[in-house]
């Protein structure tokens, strides 16, 4: 089948089981070929091919609404709803989103880039259906790793007691989220996989009077209880079916047709193989094939674009943590399910007892880390910028208010590229800087990263959030480390006619361009975003030179805003110009493309300053 000619999923209903399986094979080959050229979320999509086909075969999208938790496993859904022709621009600037996207298709009814929202969204759709007298079923496809989140439990609790709702939860159980699942829930799912009694007891298709049916359900639950197989979903009030083979299209269709007509909340537990159909992804046990760049589909080797003697920021930080942990028994790394993404695979191998993976539970990770810190445990908490925002209340209420001291590594700070607006790390300065008892810093190179980490762990009395992007920088080659004892900025004096304040990667790129071209612009490395270096800031504000501030975040509530607030307090009368991202959600694209779009590329900035 020419997948690029598909317009909507209705064609599936005319296909035989054999033809549906052939289609599944075609889709897998298409995904492997396409993603080898563009990159993207490979393993999760290879694992849900048959499941997605079966869903669209049984249900009628968009009247029946299919919500994929996280949304990055919706590639097959995109293909079946007419978007295969756009996959050559997947996750690219002005191209196809890597997630469900409401303005792309009427079949995308919800969009999310963070996990564990689907059941809560389905709850809203169910209540709206009751209010608006709509027809159709609401289906959430949820990975087993997403169930660790408190948001999922809150939604299950609501739906279980609400009454007059009948959502369908598809538990896509591949025994692995981005990282290996942890916690009691994962063990409960393992027990469920072993149980067979309930499925046998619940197979009758006869119509029964209500009181007999209730007795049958109680009997089934008793049998399952004796088998140690009563699931958490039963406790919440859901009808539970499974587990079934998530790659058996015939079986999937049979069960989906059965639960489609249930008038109460239902969970269908399907077992899938993440990466199915592509051996390197199938054999991946640590998540390397979860989200990938370009790769050679024949050999399974990644096409590495890193320049020689360059290293990712994540690896700079993980290498530091490996060294720091050597002689410290009271040191722990707490991480919310991102060991691979944060570059800590080697650390876990070397110090398995010093790393605590709490699963996809960012709020818990912060609260838990604070409690450890209050009991004299040194804590490093690496977490993506866009994931840390999920734990805002815990940072404010349970960490900073206690004056606990931990080091938060804010990975993926700034513009992140292909993942788009749900993952842009452009809000962390805004949501952290107004919280007391927390400092925000960002290094501009690998050497400065080591100095700032030394400061954060051994000098600072407050929690320190240290930002770093997903870019690569030159390796640390044993240069002499600066000892940083207090918040400070550094000026590169180019006998300038203006002053440019920036931080992180922006300082590096602007300073290199200005130095190479011998431009009369002084560049200030504002490595302490909070607190600011007030001594140097006073000098800049008293100077007759024009003052510019360059952000890698939204212009609202960035470093520039902090400078304006300080000026207001001190009654400085000086015009400053702030360059930053606008008050809108920033779509996917490379950092260079996004900067060019908003006039933040180096040449445009230099022209504006020199003018």
Protein backbone atom coordinates (compact mmCIF):
# COMPACT_ATOMS: atom_id res chain seq x y z
CA UNK A 1 0.00 0.00 0.00
CA UNK A 2 1.17 3.52 -0.78
CA UNK A 3 0.90 5.00 2.71
CA UNK A 4 1.19 8.54 1.36
CA UNK A 5 -2.16 8.18 -0.40
CA UNK A 6 -4.07 7.44 2.82
CA UNK A 7 -6.55 10.23 3.58
CA UNK A 8 -8.46 8.96 6.64
CA UNK A 9 -8.82 5.71 8.65
CA UNK A 10 -12.14 4.59 7.14
CA UNK A 11 -10.38 2.43 4.53
CA UNK A 12 -9.30 0.05 7.33
CA UNK A 13 -12.80 -1.27 7.85
CA UNK A 14 -12.80 -2.96 4.43
CA UNK A 15 -9.54 -4.85 5.05
CA UNK A 16 -9.17 -8.45 6.18
CA UNK A 17 -7.02 -9.46 9.17
CA UNK A 18 -4.30 -10.58 6.79
CA UNK A 19 -4.40 -7.25 4.94
CA UNK A 20 -4.28 -5.37 8.24
CA UNK A 21 -1.17 -7.33 9.23
CA UNK A 22 0.43 -6.55 5.86
CA UNK A 23 -0.37 -2.90 6.48
CA UNK A 24 1.34 -3.11 9.88
CA UNK A 25 4.46 -4.48 8.19
CA UNK A 26 4.38 -1.66 5.61
CA UNK A 27 4.05 0.96 8.35
CA UNK A 28 7.03 -0.45 10.27
CA UNK A 29 9.23 -0.34 7.18
CA UNK A 30 8.06 3.20 6.47
CA UNK A 31 8.81 4.37 10.02
CA UNK A 32 12.29 2.83 10.07
CA UNK A 33 13.16 4.32 6.68
CA UNK A 34 11.66 7.75 7.37
CA UNK A 35 13.02 8.21 10.88
CA UNK A 36 16.50 7.10 9.84
CA UNK A 37 16.55 10.31 7.78
CA UNK A 38 14.81 12.72 10.14
CA UNK A 39 15.18 11.27 13.62
CA UNK A 40 12.26 11.03 16.00
CA UNK A 41 10.60 8.72 18.50
CA UNK A 42 11.22 5.32 16.96
CA UNK A 43 10.81 2.58 19.59
CA UNK A 44 7.52 3.75 21.06
CA UNK A 45 5.90 4.00 17.62
CA UNK A 46 7.14 0.63 16.39
CA UNK A 47 5.55 -0.85 19.51
CA UNK A 48 2.02 0.47 18.88
CA UNK A 49 1.55 -0.29 15.17
CA UNK A 50 -1.02 -3.10 15.53
CA UNK A 51 -2.70 -1.42 18.49
CA UNK A 52 -3.22 1.84 16.57
CA UNK A 53 -4.50 0.01 13.50
CA UNK A 54 -6.96 -1.95 15.65
CA UNK A 55 -8.17 1.21 17.40
CA UNK A 56 -8.94 2.93 14.12
CA UNK A 57 -10.50 -0.27 12.74
CA UNK A 58 -12.95 -0.60 15.65
CA UNK A 59 -13.61 3.05 16.48
CA UNK A 60 -14.64 5.98 14.29
CA UNK A 61 -12.27 8.91 14.69
CA UNK A 62 -12.87 11.80 15.21
CA UNK A 63 -16.32 11.07 16.68
CA UNK A 64 -14.54 8.54 18.87
CA UNK A 65 -11.64 10.44 20.37
CA UNK A 66 -8.24 8.75 20.70
CA UNK A 67 -5.80 10.46 23.06
CA UNK A 68 -2.20 9.28 23.18
CA UNK A 69 -0.49 9.99 26.49
CA UNK A 70 2.63 12.12 25.84
CA UNK A 71 1.72 12.09 22.13
CA UNK A 72 5.13 11.11 20.76
CA UNK A 73 3.80 7.59 20.05
CA UNK A 74 1.16 8.93 17.63
CA UNK A 75 3.17 8.51 14.40
CA UNK A 76 1.07 5.52 13.28
CA UNK A 77 -2.05 7.52 14.10
CA UNK A 78 -0.69 10.33 11.90
CA UNK A 79 -0.08 7.91 9.04
CA UNK A 80 -3.60 6.45 9.25
CA UNK A 81 -5.12 9.94 9.32
CA UNK A 82 -3.46 11.10 6.11
CA UNK A 83 -0.12 12.59 7.09
CA UNK A 84 2.43 10.04 5.81
CA UNK A 85 3.17 12.40 2.92
CA UNK A 86 4.51 14.96 5.40
CA UNK A 87 6.97 12.69 7.25
CA UNK A 88 9.99 13.96 5.33
CA UNK A 89 9.54 17.17 7.40
CA UNK A 90 8.81 15.45 10.71
CA UNK A 91 9.86 17.57 13.72
CA UNK A 92 11.37 20.19 11.41
CA UNK A 93 10.81 23.93 11.17
CA UNK A 94 7.31 24.54 9.78
CA UNK A 95 6.95 20.76 9.31
CA UNK A 96 4.96 17.94 10.88
CA UNK A 97 4.89 17.96 14.68
CA UNK A 98 6.33 15.00 16.53
CA UNK A 99 3.25 14.99 18.78
CA UNK A 100 -0.49 15.08 18.32
CA UNK A 101 -1.31 18.58 17.13
CA UNK A 102 -4.83 19.95 17.05
CA UNK A 103 -4.27 22.31 14.14
CA UNK A 104 -2.80 19.51 12.02
CA UNK A 105 -5.83 17.25 11.89
CA UNK A 106 -9.40 16.86 13.16
CA UNK A 107 -8.25 13.46 14.42
CA UNK A 108 -5.89 15.12 16.95
CA UNK A 109 -8.21 16.15 19.77
CA UNK A 110 -5.60 16.62 22.50
CA UNK A 111 -1.93 17.49 22.47
CA UNK A 112 0.70 16.86 25.10
CA UNK A 113 4.46 16.59 25.31
CA UNK A 114 4.61 15.59 28.98
CA UNK A 115 3.44 12.23 30.25
CA UNK A 116 0.43 11.24 32.36
CA UNK A 117 -2.11 13.77 31.06
CA UNK A 118 -4.26 11.44 28.94
CA UNK A 119 -6.51 9.97 31.66
CA UNK A 120 -7.19 13.42 33.11
CA UNK A 121 -7.98 14.71 29.61
CA UNK A 122 -10.32 11.78 28.96
CA UNK A 123 -12.10 12.60 32.23
CA UNK A 124 -12.76 16.09 30.87
CA UNK A 125 -13.95 14.72 27.55
CA UNK A 126 -16.29 12.32 29.36
CA UNK A 127 -17.91 15.05 31.46
CA UNK A 128 -18.19 17.32 28.40
CA UNK A 129 -19.84 14.47 26.52
CA UNK A 130 -22.46 14.24 29.26
CA UNK A 131 -23.04 18.02 29.26
CA UNK A 132 -23.22 18.37 25.47
CA UNK A 133 -25.06 15.07 24.85
CA UNK A 134 -22.33 13.97 22.46
CA UNK A 135 -21.92 10.48 21.10
CA UNK A 136 -18.73 8.54 20.66
CA UNK A 137 -16.20 6.92 22.98
CA UNK A 138 -13.22 8.56 24.63
CA UNK A 139 -10.07 6.44 24.61
CA UNK A 140 -6.76 7.10 26.37
CA UNK A 141 -3.67 5.16 25.30
CA UNK A 142 -1.37 5.24 28.31
CA UNK A 143 2.08 3.73 28.78
CA UNK A 144 2.81 1.76 31.92
CA UNK A 145 5.50 4.29 32.91
CA UNK A 146 2.94 7.12 32.90
CA UNK A 147 0.88 5.45 35.61
CA UNK A 148 3.56 6.28 38.18
CA UNK A 149 2.51 9.92 38.03
CA UNK A 150 0.19 11.40 40.62
CA UNK A 151 -1.86 13.04 37.84
CA UNK A 152 -2.80 9.61 36.50
CA UNK A 153 -3.88 8.45 39.96
CA UNK A 154 -5.94 11.59 40.52
CA UNK A 155 -7.75 11.02 37.22
CA UNK A 156 -8.36 7.32 37.94
CA UNK A 157 -9.75 8.23 41.35
CA UNK A 158 -12.13 10.79 39.82
CA UNK A 159 -13.39 8.50 37.07
CA UNK A 160 -13.81 5.58 39.43
CA UNK A 161 -16.30 7.42 41.64
CA UNK A 162 -17.87 9.82 39.13
CA UNK A 163 -20.64 7.62 37.72
CA UNK A 164 -22.29 8.08 34.31
CA UNK A 165 -18.93 7.90 32.56
CA UNK A 166 -17.51 5.11 30.42
CA UNK A 167 -14.00 5.95 29.24
CA UNK A 168 -11.66 3.33 27.82
CA UNK A 169 -8.10 3.24 29.11
CA UNK A 170 -5.68 1.25 26.96
CA UNK A 171 -2.74 0.33 29.17
CA UNK A 172 0.11 -0.04 26.69
CA UNK A 173 2.50 -2.16 28.72
CA UNK A 174 5.93 -2.56 27.15
CA UNK A 175 7.65 -2.99 30.54
CA UNK A 176 9.73 0.09 29.78
CA UNK A 177 9.11 3.82 29.53
CA UNK A 178 11.97 6.17 28.53
CA UNK A 179 13.96 4.55 31.32
CA UNK A 180 13.25 1.32 33.17
CA UNK A 181 10.09 1.50 35.25
CA UNK A 182 10.46 1.68 39.00
CA UNK A 183 8.17 1.43 41.98
CA UNK A 184 5.44 -0.73 43.45
CA UNK A 185 3.09 -0.19 40.51
CA UNK A 186 5.57 -1.80 38.14
CA UNK A 187 5.65 -4.87 40.42
CA UNK A 188 1.84 -4.97 40.54
CA UNK A 189 1.73 -5.01 36.75
CA UNK A 190 4.16 -7.92 36.73
CA UNK A 191 1.80 -9.85 38.99
CA UNK A 192 -1.12 -9.03 36.72
CA UNK A 193 0.72 -10.46 33.73
CA UNK A 194 0.96 -13.78 35.51
CA UNK A 195 -2.76 -14.10 36.38
CA UNK A 196 -5.13 -16.17 34.23
CA UNK A 197 -8.07 -16.94 36.51
CA UNK A 198 -10.03 -13.75 36.04
CA UNK A 199 -9.97 -13.85 32.24
CA UNK A 200 -11.33 -17.40 32.41
CA UNK A 201 -14.04 -16.45 34.91
CA UNK A 202 -15.19 -13.40 32.93
CA UNK A 203 -15.52 -14.93 29.45
CA UNK A 204 -19.24 -15.73 29.42
CA UNK A 205 -21.18 -13.86 26.72
CA UNK A 206 -24.64 -14.65 28.04
CA UNK A 207 -26.99 -11.84 29.01
CA UNK A 208 -27.52 -12.09 32.74
CA UNK A 209 -29.89 -10.34 35.16
CA UNK A 210 -28.18 -7.52 37.08
CA UNK A 211 -28.09 -9.31 40.43
CA UNK A 212 -26.56 -12.42 38.85
CA UNK A 213 -24.10 -10.28 36.91
CA UNK A 214 -23.02 -8.55 40.14
CA UNK A 215 -22.55 -11.94 41.79
CA UNK A 216 -20.48 -13.02 38.79
CA UNK A 217 -18.25 -9.94 39.08
CA UNK A 218 -17.80 -10.51 42.82
CA UNK A 219 -16.97 -14.17 42.18
CA UNK A 220 -14.45 -13.17 39.53
CA UNK A 221 -12.84 -10.70 41.90
CA UNK A 222 -12.71 -13.34 44.63
CA UNK A 223 -11.00 -15.75 42.25
CA UNK A 224 -8.53 -13.08 41.24
CA UNK A 225 -7.98 -12.15 44.86
CA UNK A 226 -7.14 -15.75 45.73
CA UNK A 227 -4.76 -15.73 42.77
CA UNK A 228 -3.11 -12.57 44.12
CA UNK A 229 -4.19 -10.87 40.93
CA UNK A 230 -6.67 -8.20 42.01
CA UNK A 231 -5.51 -5.14 40.09
CA UNK A 232 -5.33 -1.55 41.19
CA UNK A 233 -7.89 -0.75 38.48
CA UNK A 234 -10.48 -2.95 40.17
CA UNK A 235 -9.94 -0.99 43.34
CA UNK A 236 -10.63 2.23 41.45
CA UNK A 237 -13.87 0.80 40.02
CA UNK A 238 -12.78 -0.04 36.48
CA UNK A 239 -13.57 -3.23 34.56
CA UNK A 240 -10.21 -4.75 33.77
CA UNK A 241 -9.43 -6.95 30.76
CA UNK A 242 -6.14 -8.55 29.87
CA UNK A 243 -3.33 -8.72 29.57
CA UNK A 244 -3.52 -9.53 25.85
CA UNK A 245 -0.96 -9.62 23.05
CA UNK A 246 -0.69 -6.09 21.68
CA UNK A 247 0.66 -7.35 18.37
CA UNK A 248 -2.18 -9.78 17.62
CA UNK A 249 -4.53 -7.69 15.49
CA UNK A 250 -7.31 -10.27 15.56
CA UNK A 251 -7.30 -10.49 19.35
CA UNK A 252 -7.04 -6.70 19.72
CA UNK A 253 -10.08 -6.18 17.50
CA UNK A 254 -12.08 -8.78 19.42
CA UNK A 255 -11.42 -7.18 22.79
CA UNK A 256 -11.86 -3.62 21.52
CA UNK A 257 -15.24 -4.49 20.04
CA UNK A 258 -16.25 -6.04 23.36
CA UNK A 259 -15.27 -3.10 25.57
CA UNK A 260 -16.62 -0.55 23.10
CA UNK A 261 -20.14 -1.25 24.36
CA UNK A 262 -19.37 -1.18 28.08
CA UNK A 263 -21.20 1.49 30.08
CA UNK A 264 -18.59 1.86 32.82
CA UNK A 265 -14.90 2.74 32.93
CA UNK A 266 -12.77 0.03 31.32
CA UNK A 267 -9.07 -0.79 31.25
CA UNK A 268 -7.68 -3.01 28.48
CA UNK A 269 -4.18 -4.16 29.34
CA UNK A 270 -2.08 -4.90 26.22
CA UNK A 271 1.47 -6.19 26.17
CA UNK A 272 3.65 -4.71 23.42
CA UNK A 273 7.29 -4.87 22.46
CA UNK A 274 8.95 -1.48 22.29
CA UNK A 275 10.92 -1.20 19.07
CA UNK A 276 9.21 -4.23 17.52
CA UNK A 277 10.37 -4.97 14.00
CA UNK A 278 13.79 -3.32 14.27
CA UNK A 279 16.34 -5.42 16.13
CA UNK A 280 18.58 -2.63 17.53
CA UNK A 281 15.49 -0.98 19.05
CA UNK A 282 14.06 -4.28 20.31
CA UNK A 283 17.31 -5.10 22.11
CA UNK A 284 17.59 -1.65 23.69
CA UNK A 285 17.25 -1.91 27.48
CA UNK A 286 18.25 1.63 28.46
CA UNK A 287 16.22 3.86 26.12
CA UNK A 288 18.82 4.79 23.49
CA UNK A 289 16.27 4.17 20.74
CA UNK A 290 13.44 6.05 22.42
CA UNK A 291 14.13 9.38 20.75
CA UNK A 292 16.83 9.21 18.10
CA UNK A 293 18.65 11.39 15.64
CA UNK A 294 19.50 10.22 12.15
CA UNK A 295 20.81 6.67 11.90
CA UNK A 296 21.95 4.06 9.37
CA UNK A 297 18.95 1.75 9.12
CA UNK A 298 21.09 -1.12 7.77
CA UNK A 299 23.71 -1.12 10.53
CA UNK A 300 21.73 0.51 13.34
CA UNK A 301 24.55 2.99 13.95
CA UNK A 302 23.74 6.57 14.91
CA UNK A 303 25.02 9.29 12.61
CA UNK A 304 26.95 11.41 15.10
CA UNK A 305 27.32 15.04 14.15
CA UNK A 306 29.39 16.13 17.14
CA UNK A 307 32.51 17.99 16.10
CA UNK A 308 35.88 16.71 17.26
CA UNK A 309 36.78 17.78 20.81
CA UNK A 310 33.19 18.81 21.46
CA UNK A 311 30.97 17.32 24.14
CA UNK A 312 27.33 17.74 25.12
CA UNK A 313 26.48 19.80 28.17
CA UNK A 314 24.73 16.75 29.65
CA UNK A 315 27.97 14.77 29.47
CA UNK A 316 29.99 17.63 30.98
CA UNK A 317 27.70 17.56 33.99
CA UNK A 318 27.54 13.77 34.27
CA UNK A 319 31.36 13.54 34.11
CA UNK A 320 31.61 16.08 36.91
CA UNK A 321 29.09 14.16 39.03
CA UNK A 322 31.05 10.91 38.53
CA UNK A 323 34.17 12.59 39.94
CA UNK A 324 32.27 14.37 42.70
CA UNK A 325 30.65 11.18 43.97
CA UNK A 326 33.88 9.21 44.39
CA UNK A 327 34.57 9.89 48.07
CA UNK A 328 31.15 11.05 49.27
CA UNK A 329 29.03 8.47 51.05
CA UNK A 330 26.27 10.97 51.80
CA UNK A 331 25.76 11.93 48.13
CA UNK A 332 22.77 10.92 45.99
CA UNK A 333 21.56 11.66 42.49
CA UNK A 334 17.75 11.80 42.37
CA UNK A 335 16.30 11.53 38.88
CA UNK A 336 12.75 11.33 37.50
CA UNK A 337 13.04 8.58 34.85
CA UNK A 338 15.68 10.28 32.68
CA UNK A 339 18.92 8.39 33.34
CA UNK A 340 19.64 8.00 29.62
CA UNK A 341 18.52 11.47 28.57
CA UNK A 342 20.60 13.11 31.30
CA UNK A 343 23.72 11.15 30.32
CA UNK A 344 23.94 9.21 33.59
CA UNK A 345 24.19 5.64 32.29
CA UNK A 346 27.88 5.46 33.21
CA UNK A 347 27.21 6.97 36.64
CA UNK A 348 24.55 4.33 37.31
CA UNK A 349 27.00 1.57 36.36
CA UNK A 350 29.72 2.94 38.63
CA UNK A 351 27.54 4.00 41.59
CA UNK A 352 24.22 2.11 41.48
CA UNK A 353 23.76 2.76 45.19
CA UNK A 354 24.13 6.53 44.73
CA UNK A 355 21.36 7.09 42.18
CA UNK A 356 17.63 7.00 42.95
CA UNK A 357 15.26 6.87 39.99
CA UNK A 358 11.78 7.87 41.20
CA UNK A 359 10.00 7.35 37.86
CA UNK A 360 7.98 9.99 36.00
CA UNK A 361 7.27 11.89 39.21
CA UNK A 362 8.87 15.32 39.05
CA UNK A 363 6.95 16.81 41.98
CA UNK A 364 7.88 13.88 44.19
CA UNK A 365 11.51 14.12 43.07
CA UNK A 366 11.81 17.71 44.34
CA UNK A 367 9.95 17.13 47.62
CA UNK A 368 11.88 13.90 48.26
CA UNK A 369 15.21 15.62 47.50
CA UNK A 370 14.41 18.43 49.92
CA UNK A 371 13.69 15.98 52.73
CA UNK A 372 16.97 14.17 52.06
CA UNK A 373 18.87 17.46 52.07
CA UNK A 374 17.36 18.43 55.42
CA UNK A 375 18.86 15.20 56.74
CA UNK A 376 22.41 16.04 55.62
CA UNK A 377 22.39 14.21 52.29
CA UNK A 378 23.99 16.05 49.38
CA UNK A 379 21.64 15.98 46.38
CA UNK A 380 22.03 16.48 42.66
CA UNK A 381 18.70 16.59 40.80
CA UNK A 382 19.06 16.67 36.99
CA UNK A 383 15.78 17.46 35.28
CA UNK A 384 14.72 18.96 31.95
CA UNK A 385 13.62 22.58 32.09
CA UNK A 386 10.16 21.78 30.71
CA UNK A 387 9.75 18.93 33.24
CA UNK A 388 10.86 20.99 36.24
CA UNK A 389 7.94 23.35 35.66
CA UNK A 390 5.66 20.45 36.66
CA UNK A 391 7.17 20.64 40.15
CA UNK A 392 6.87 24.39 40.67
CA UNK A 393 4.90 24.15 43.91
CA UNK A 394 7.38 21.72 45.43
CA UNK A 395 10.32 24.00 44.53
CA UNK A 396 8.53 26.92 46.19
CA UNK A 397 6.78 25.27 49.12
CA UNK A 398 8.85 22.21 49.98
CA UNK A 399 12.37 23.15 48.93
CA UNK A 400 13.06 26.88 49.03
CA UNK A 401 10.77 27.62 51.99
CA UNK A 402 12.68 25.02 54.05
CA UNK A 403 15.99 26.63 53.03
CA UNK A 404 17.13 23.18 51.95
CA UNK A 405 20.30 23.03 49.86
CA UNK A 406 20.28 20.89 46.71
CA UNK A 407 21.77 21.37 43.24
CA UNK A 408 19.27 21.24 40.39
CA UNK A 409 20.74 20.60 36.96
CA UNK A 410 18.30 22.23 34.52
CA UNK A 411 18.93 20.27 31.33
CA UNK A 412 17.56 21.37 27.92
CA UNK A 413 17.44 25.03 28.95
CA UNK A 414 16.62 27.46 26.15
CA UNK A 415 15.41 26.54 22.66
CA UNK A 416 15.48 22.75 22.32
CA UNK A 417 14.66 22.24 18.65
CA UNK A 418 12.66 19.34 17.21
CA UNK A 419 10.39 18.60 20.19
CA UNK A 420 8.74 21.99 19.83
CA UNK A 421 6.65 24.08 22.17
CA UNK A 422 5.98 21.43 24.82
CA UNK A 423 9.71 21.03 25.46
CA UNK A 424 11.17 24.52 24.98
CA UNK A 425 13.17 25.40 28.09
CA UNK A 426 12.33 29.09 27.95
CA UNK A 427 10.30 29.60 31.13
CA UNK A 428 12.53 28.34 33.97
CA UNK A 429 14.10 31.72 34.77
CA UNK A 430 10.63 33.24 34.94
CA UNK A 431 9.16 30.62 37.27
CA UNK A 432 12.24 30.33 39.51
CA UNK A 433 13.67 33.82 39.90
CA UNK A 434 10.88 35.17 42.13
CA UNK A 435 11.25 32.27 44.59
CA UNK A 436 13.33 33.16 47.67
CA UNK A 437 16.30 31.01 48.72
CA UNK A 438 17.25 29.81 45.25
CA UNK A 439 20.06 30.90 42.95
CA UNK A 440 20.14 30.54 39.15
CA UNK A 441 23.39 30.23 37.24
CA UNK A 442 24.50 29.24 33.74
CA UNK A 443 28.02 28.48 32.50
CA UNK A 444 29.31 29.55 29.10
CA UNK A 445 31.93 26.81 28.71
CA UNK A 446 33.03 23.50 30.22
CA UNK A 447 35.64 25.04 32.54
CA UNK A 448 33.17 27.54 33.95
CA UNK A 449 30.66 24.69 34.42
CA UNK A 450 33.10 22.96 36.78
CA UNK A 451 33.70 26.17 38.71
CA UNK A 452 29.98 26.88 39.06
CA UNK A 453 29.28 23.28 40.12
CA UNK A 454 32.00 23.58 42.77
CA UNK A 455 30.33 26.78 43.95
CA UNK A 456 26.88 25.20 43.92
CA UNK A 457 27.86 22.14 45.95
CA UNK A 458 30.47 23.53 48.33
CA UNK A 459 30.07 27.31 48.64
CA UNK A 460 26.41 28.16 48.22
CA UNK A 461 24.14 28.03 51.26
CA UNK A 462 20.96 28.02 49.18
CA UNK A 463 19.71 25.69 46.49
CA UNK A 464 21.30 26.37 43.13
CA UNK A 465 19.62 25.78 39.78
CA UNK A 466 22.30 25.48 37.13
CA UNK A 467 21.03 25.79 33.56
CA UNK A 468 22.53 24.17 30.46
CA UNK A 469 21.32 23.65 26.91
CA UNK A 470 21.22 20.53 24.75
CA UNK A 471 24.07 21.92 22.62
CA UNK A 472 27.66 20.72 22.48
CA UNK A 473 30.68 22.75 23.58
CA UNK A 474 34.45 22.34 23.54
CA UNK A 475 35.76 19.77 25.96
CA UNK A 476 37.39 20.73 29.24
CA UNK A 477 41.09 20.19 28.63
CA UNK A 478 42.56 20.61 32.13
CA UNK A 479 42.54 24.41 32.05
CA UNK A 480 42.98 26.10 35.41
CA UNK A 481 39.68 26.36 37.26
CA UNK A 482 38.45 29.68 38.57
CA UNK A 483 37.43 29.62 42.22
CA UNK A 484 34.02 31.27 42.49
CA UNK A 485 33.22 32.29 46.06
CA UNK A 486 30.28 34.59 45.44
CA UNK A 487 27.91 35.68 42.65
CA UNK A 488 29.86 37.53 39.99
CA UNK A 489 29.76 38.56 36.34
CA UNK A 490 32.74 38.82 33.98
CA UNK A 491 33.26 41.55 31.38
CA UNK A 492 35.23 41.15 28.16
CA UNK A 493 36.32 44.75 27.51
CA UNK A 494 36.56 45.44 23.79
CA UNK A 495 36.88 49.23 24.26
CA UNK A 496 33.28 49.21 23.30
CA UNK A 497 30.72 51.83 22.48
CA UNK A 498 27.99 49.67 24.01
CA UNK A 499 27.57 46.93 26.62
CA UNK A 500 25.94 43.57 25.86
CA UNK A 501 24.84 41.41 28.79
CA UNK A 502 24.22 37.72 28.05
CA UNK A 503 24.79 34.27 29.55
CA UNK A 504 25.44 30.64 28.65
CA UNK A 505 25.73 29.66 24.98
CA UNK A 506 24.64 33.15 23.92
CA UNK A 507 27.65 34.68 25.66
CA UNK A 508 29.96 32.25 23.89
CA UNK A 509 28.60 32.83 20.38
CA UNK A 510 28.35 36.63 20.74
CA UNK A 511 31.77 36.99 22.34
CA UNK A 512 33.43 34.84 19.67
CA UNK A 513 31.84 36.84 16.82
CA UNK A 514 32.62 40.21 18.40
CA UNK A 515 36.23 39.23 19.17
CA UNK A 516 36.86 37.74 15.72
CA UNK A 517 35.47 40.82 14.00
CA UNK A 518 37.06 43.28 16.45
CA UNK A 519 33.75 45.03 17.09
CA UNK A 520 33.54 47.82 19.73
CA UNK A 521 31.05 46.00 21.95
CA UNK A 522 31.82 45.00 25.53
CA UNK A 523 30.38 41.57 26.33
CA UNK A 524 29.33 40.76 29.89
CA UNK A 525 29.04 37.13 30.98
CA UNK A 526 26.08 37.26 33.40
CA UNK A 527 26.70 33.74 34.68
CA UNK A 528 24.72 34.51 37.85
CA UNK A 529 21.18 35.22 36.68
CA UNK A 530 20.04 35.34 40.29
CA UNK A 531 21.46 36.94 42.33
CA UNK A 532 22.93 39.46 39.92
CA UNK A 533 26.36 41.00 40.32
CA UNK A 534 25.05 44.33 41.62
CA UNK A 535 28.48 45.98 41.76
CA UNK A 536 29.05 45.45 38.03
CA UNK A 537 25.40 46.16 37.22
CA UNK A 538 25.69 49.56 38.95
CA UNK A 539 28.70 50.35 36.80
CA UNK A 540 26.82 49.40 33.64
CA UNK A 541 23.79 51.46 34.61
CA UNK A 542 25.92 54.51 35.48
CA UNK A 543 27.86 54.23 32.23
CA UNK A 544 26.96 56.45 29.28
CA UNK A 545 27.20 53.42 26.97
CA UNK A 546 24.03 51.82 25.62
CA UNK A 547 23.02 48.67 27.43
CA UNK A 548 21.63 45.56 25.74
CA UNK A 549 20.49 42.28 27.32
CA UNK A 550 20.25 39.04 25.34
CA UNK A 551 18.07 36.23 26.69
CA UNK A 552 17.72 32.58 25.65
CA UNK A 553 14.26 32.57 27.25
CA UNK A 554 11.01 34.47 26.92
CA UNK A 555 11.62 38.21 27.17
CA UNK A 556 8.93 38.42 29.87
CA UNK A 557 10.47 37.82 33.31
CA UNK A 558 14.00 37.06 32.18
CA UNK A 559 17.29 38.62 33.32
CA UNK A 560 16.38 41.84 31.53
CA UNK A 561 13.22 42.14 33.61
CA UNK A 562 15.28 41.69 36.77
CA UNK A 563 17.56 44.53 35.68
CA UNK A 564 14.54 46.78 35.04
CA UNK A 565 13.17 45.95 38.49
CA UNK A 566 16.52 46.86 40.05
CA UNK A 567 16.60 50.11 38.09
CA UNK A 568 13.14 50.95 39.39
CA UNK A 569 14.20 50.36 42.99
CA UNK A 570 17.36 52.47 42.59
CA UNK A 571 15.64 55.11 40.41
CA UNK A 572 18.08 54.72 37.54
CA UNK A 573 17.02 56.60 34.41
CA UNK A 574 18.54 54.64 31.56
CA UNK A 575 17.18 53.04 28.41
CA UNK A 576 18.04 49.40 27.96
CA UNK A 577 17.14 47.11 25.08
CA UNK A 578 16.16 43.50 25.76
CA UNK A 579 16.47 40.84 23.08
CA UNK A 580 14.51 37.68 23.82
CA UNK A 581 11.78 35.33 22.70
CA UNK A 582 8.23 36.71 22.39
CA UNK A 583 5.20 35.96 24.53
CA UNK A 584 4.04 32.98 22.48
CA UNK A 585 4.63 29.24 22.28
CA UNK A 586 7.72 28.53 20.18
CA UNK A 587 7.26 25.79 17.58
CA UNK A 588 9.78 23.14 16.55
CA UNK A 589 12.86 24.01 14.56
CA UNK A 590 16.61 24.13 15.01
CA UNK A 591 17.97 26.73 17.37
CA UNK A 592 19.41 28.61 14.39
CA UNK A 593 16.04 28.64 12.60
CA UNK A 594 14.18 29.84 15.70
CA UNK A 595 16.76 32.56 16.39
CA UNK A 596 16.60 33.71 12.76
CA UNK A 597 12.78 33.81 12.87
CA UNK A 598 12.75 36.10 15.92
CA UNK A 599 15.77 38.24 15.02
CA UNK A 600 18.04 36.64 17.63
CA UNK A 601 20.67 35.31 15.22
CA UNK A 602 24.14 36.75 15.62
CA UNK A 603 24.23 38.90 12.48
CA UNK A 604 20.81 40.49 13.09
CA UNK A 605 21.70 41.27 16.71
CA UNK A 606 25.05 42.81 15.77
CA UNK A 607 23.43 45.00 13.11
CA UNK A 608 20.86 46.26 15.61
CA UNK A 609 23.50 47.02 18.23
CA UNK A 610 25.94 48.66 15.79
CA UNK A 611 23.16 50.76 14.27
